[in-house]
Amino acid sequence: MTFEQAFKNIDDILFKEAGCTTELDYNEQTSWLLFLKYLDSLEQDRAMEAELEGKKYAFILDLCDYGQ
């Protein structure tokens, strides 16, 4: 899947299912999703690095803190 197609898919889902009514709405939502994806990847990389070094890693956003 190309980068452009991935954005198109995200925009389609947000427009149809999330109730976003304008491009500004789903651009904001898309930006937030991309940030969360980046943060998740960064956290996973740091956790793996810590594990390889025999250390514990504390996630920035721990879902257990939010009752998830």
N, C-alpha and C. Protein backbone atom coordinates (compact mmCIF):
# COMPACT_ATOMS: atom_id res chain seq x y z
N MET A 1 0.85 -1.17 0.00
CA MET A 1 0.00 0.00 0.00
C MET A 1 0.90 1.24 0.00
N THR A 2 0.57 2.18 -0.83
CA THR A 2 1.35 3.41 -0.90
C THR A 2 0.98 4.34 0.24
N PHE A 3 1.87 5.28 0.49
CA PHE A 3 1.64 6.28 1.53
C PHE A 3 0.36 7.07 1.25
N GLU A 4 0.18 7.45 0.00
CA GLU A 4 -1.01 8.22 -0.38
C GLU A 4 -2.29 7.41 -0.18
N GLN A 5 -2.24 6.12 -0.52
CA GLN A 5 -3.41 5.27 -0.35
C GLN A 5 -3.75 5.07 1.12
N ALA A 6 -2.71 4.98 1.96
CA ALA A 6 -2.94 4.83 3.40
C ALA A 6 -3.68 6.07 3.93
N PHE A 7 -3.25 7.26 3.52
CA PHE A 7 -3.93 8.48 3.94
C PHE A 7 -5.35 8.53 3.42
N LYS A 8 -5.55 8.11 2.18
CA LYS A 8 -6.89 8.10 1.60
C LYS A 8 -7.79 7.17 2.40
N ASN A 9 -7.30 6.01 2.78
CA ASN A 9 -8.09 5.06 3.57
C ASN A 9 -8.45 5.64 4.94
N ILE A 10 -7.48 6.28 5.59
CA ILE A 10 -7.74 6.91 6.90
C ILE A 10 -8.80 7.99 6.75
N ASP A 11 -8.63 8.83 5.74
CA ASP A 11 -9.59 9.91 5.52
C ASP A 11 -10.99 9.38 5.24
N ASP A 12 -11.09 8.33 4.43
CA ASP A 12 -12.39 7.74 4.13
C ASP A 12 -13.08 7.22 5.39
N ILE A 13 -12.33 6.53 6.23
CA ILE A 13 -12.89 5.97 7.47
C ILE A 13 -13.34 7.09 8.40
N LEU A 14 -12.48 8.10 8.58
CA LEU A 14 -12.84 9.20 9.47
C LEU A 14 -14.05 9.96 8.95
N PHE A 15 -14.12 10.16 7.64
CA PHE A 15 -15.23 10.91 7.06
C PHE A 15 -16.54 10.15 7.21
N LYS A 16 -16.50 8.84 6.98
CA LYS A 16 -17.72 8.03 7.00
C LYS A 16 -18.13 7.59 8.40
N GLU A 17 -17.17 7.19 9.22
CA GLU A 17 -17.50 6.52 10.48
C GLU A 17 -17.30 7.38 11.73
N ALA A 18 -16.46 8.38 11.67
CA ALA A 18 -16.17 9.15 12.88
C ALA A 18 -16.98 10.44 12.95
N GLY A 19 -17.81 10.67 11.97
CA GLY A 19 -18.64 11.85 12.01
C GLY A 19 -17.93 13.15 11.70
N CYS A 20 -16.77 13.05 11.08
CA CYS A 20 -16.05 14.26 10.69
C CYS A 20 -16.78 14.88 9.50
N THR A 21 -17.04 16.16 9.58
CA THR A 21 -17.84 16.80 8.54
C THR A 21 -17.03 17.67 7.60
N THR A 22 -15.85 18.10 8.02
CA THR A 22 -15.03 18.93 7.15
C THR A 22 -13.62 18.35 7.07
N GLU A 23 -12.87 18.82 6.08
CA GLU A 23 -11.49 18.37 5.95
C GLU A 23 -10.67 18.73 7.18
N LEU A 24 -10.97 19.86 7.79
CA LEU A 24 -10.23 20.25 8.99
C LEU A 24 -10.45 19.26 10.12
N ASP A 25 -11.67 18.73 10.25
CA ASP A 25 -11.94 17.72 11.28
C ASP A 25 -11.08 16.49 11.09
N TYR A 26 -11.11 15.92 9.91
CA TYR A 26 -10.37 14.68 9.76
C TYR A 26 -8.89 14.89 9.57
N ASN A 27 -8.44 16.07 9.19
CA ASN A 27 -7.00 16.35 9.19
C ASN A 27 -6.47 16.35 10.61
N GLU A 28 -7.23 16.94 11.52
CA GLU A 28 -6.83 16.94 12.93
C GLU A 28 -6.78 15.52 13.47
N GLN A 29 -7.80 14.73 13.15
CA GLN A 29 -7.84 13.34 13.62
C GLN A 29 -6.71 12.52 13.01
N THR A 30 -6.43 12.72 11.72
CA THR A 30 -5.36 12.00 11.05
C THR A 30 -4.02 12.34 11.69
N SER A 31 -3.80 13.61 11.98
CA SER A 31 -2.54 14.03 12.61
C SER A 31 -2.37 13.34 13.96
N TRP A 32 -3.45 13.28 14.72
CA TRP A 32 -3.39 12.64 16.04
C TRP A 32 -3.09 11.15 15.90
N LEU A 33 -3.72 10.48 14.95
CA LEU A 33 -3.47 9.05 14.73
C LEU A 33 -2.02 8.80 14.32
N LEU A 34 -1.49 9.65 13.45
CA LEU A 34 -0.09 9.50 13.03
C LEU A 34 0.87 9.72 14.19
N PHE A 35 0.56 10.70 15.04
CA PHE A 35 1.39 10.93 16.21
C PHE A 35 1.37 9.71 17.13
N LEU A 36 0.19 9.15 17.37
CA LEU A 36 0.08 7.99 18.25
C LEU A 36 0.82 6.79 17.66
N LYS A 37 0.75 6.62 16.36
CA LYS A 37 1.47 5.53 15.70
C LYS A 37 2.98 5.72 15.87
N TYR A 38 3.44 6.96 15.66
CA TYR A 38 4.86 7.27 15.85
C TYR A 38 5.28 6.97 17.29
N LEU A 39 4.49 7.44 18.25
CA LEU A 39 4.81 7.23 19.65
C LEU A 39 4.84 5.74 20.00
N ASP A 40 3.89 4.98 19.47
CA ASP A 40 3.86 3.55 19.72
C ASP A 40 5.11 2.87 19.17
N SER A 41 5.50 3.22 17.96
CA SER A 41 6.71 2.64 17.37
C SER A 41 7.95 3.01 18.17
N LEU A 42 8.03 4.26 18.58
CA LEU A 42 9.16 4.71 19.40
C LEU A 42 9.21 3.95 20.72
N GLU A 43 8.07 3.80 21.36
CA GLU A 43 8.00 3.09 22.63
C GLU A 43 8.41 1.62 22.46
N GLN A 44 7.95 0.99 21.40
CA GLN A 44 8.30 -0.42 21.17
C GLN A 44 9.80 -0.56 20.94
N ASP A 45 10.39 0.36 20.17
CA ASP A 45 11.83 0.33 19.93
C ASP A 45 12.61 0.50 21.23
N ARG A 46 12.18 1.46 22.04
CA ARG A 46 12.87 1.71 23.31
C ARG A 46 12.71 0.54 24.27
N ALA A 47 11.55 -0.08 24.28
CA ALA A 47 11.32 -1.24 25.14
C ALA A 47 12.20 -2.41 24.72
N MET A 48 12.32 -2.62 23.42
CA MET A 48 13.16 -3.70 22.91
C MET A 48 14.63 -3.45 23.25
N GLU A 49 15.06 -2.20 23.08
CA GLU A 49 16.43 -1.83 23.42
C GLU A 49 16.71 -2.06 24.90
N ALA A 50 15.78 -1.66 25.75
CA ALA A 50 15.95 -1.85 27.19
C ALA A 50 16.00 -3.34 27.53
N GLU A 51 15.14 -4.12 26.88
CA GLU A 51 15.13 -5.56 27.13
C GLU A 51 16.45 -6.19 26.75
N LEU A 52 17.01 -5.78 25.61
CA LEU A 52 18.29 -6.31 25.17
C LEU A 52 19.42 -5.93 26.12
N GLU A 53 19.27 -4.79 26.79
CA GLU A 53 20.28 -4.34 27.75
C GLU A 53 20.00 -4.86 29.16
N GLY A 54 18.92 -5.64 29.31
CA GLY A 54 18.57 -6.19 30.61
C GLY A 54 17.98 -5.16 31.56
N LYS A 55 17.38 -4.13 31.02
CA LYS A 55 16.79 -3.06 31.83
C LYS A 55 15.28 -3.09 31.69
N LYS A 56 14.60 -2.42 32.62
CA LYS A 56 13.15 -2.24 32.52
C LYS A 56 12.87 -0.94 31.80
N TYR A 57 11.77 -0.90 31.07
CA TYR A 57 11.38 0.33 30.39
C TYR A 57 9.99 0.73 30.84
N ALA A 58 9.82 1.98 31.21
CA ALA A 58 8.51 2.50 31.62
C ALA A 58 7.92 3.25 30.42
N PHE A 59 6.79 2.76 29.93
CA PHE A 59 6.14 3.39 28.79
C PHE A 59 5.60 4.77 29.17
N ILE A 60 5.67 5.69 28.23
CA ILE A 60 5.18 7.05 28.46
C ILE A 60 3.67 7.02 28.71
N LEU A 61 2.96 6.34 27.85
CA LEU A 61 1.51 6.17 28.01
C LEU A 61 1.25 4.70 28.28
N ASP A 62 0.99 4.38 29.52
CA ASP A 62 0.71 3.00 29.90
C ASP A 62 -0.80 2.83 29.96
N LEU A 63 -1.35 1.96 29.13
CA LEU A 63 -2.79 1.78 29.07
C LEU A 63 -3.37 1.30 30.40
N CYS A 64 -2.57 0.62 31.20
CA CYS A 64 -3.06 0.16 32.50
C CYS A 64 -3.43 1.34 33.39
N ASP A 65 -2.76 2.48 33.20
CA ASP A 65 -3.07 3.66 34.00
C ASP A 65 -4.45 4.21 33.69
N TYR A 66 -4.99 3.86 32.53
CA TYR A 66 -6.28 4.41 32.10
C TYR A 66 -7.39 3.38 32.15
N GLY A 67 -7.15 2.24 32.80
CA GLY A 67 -8.18 1.23 32.95
C GLY A 67 -8.51 0.50 31.67
N GLN A 68 -7.61 0.49 30.72
CA GLN A 68 -7.85 -0.19 29.44
C GLN A 68 -7.48 -1.64 29.55
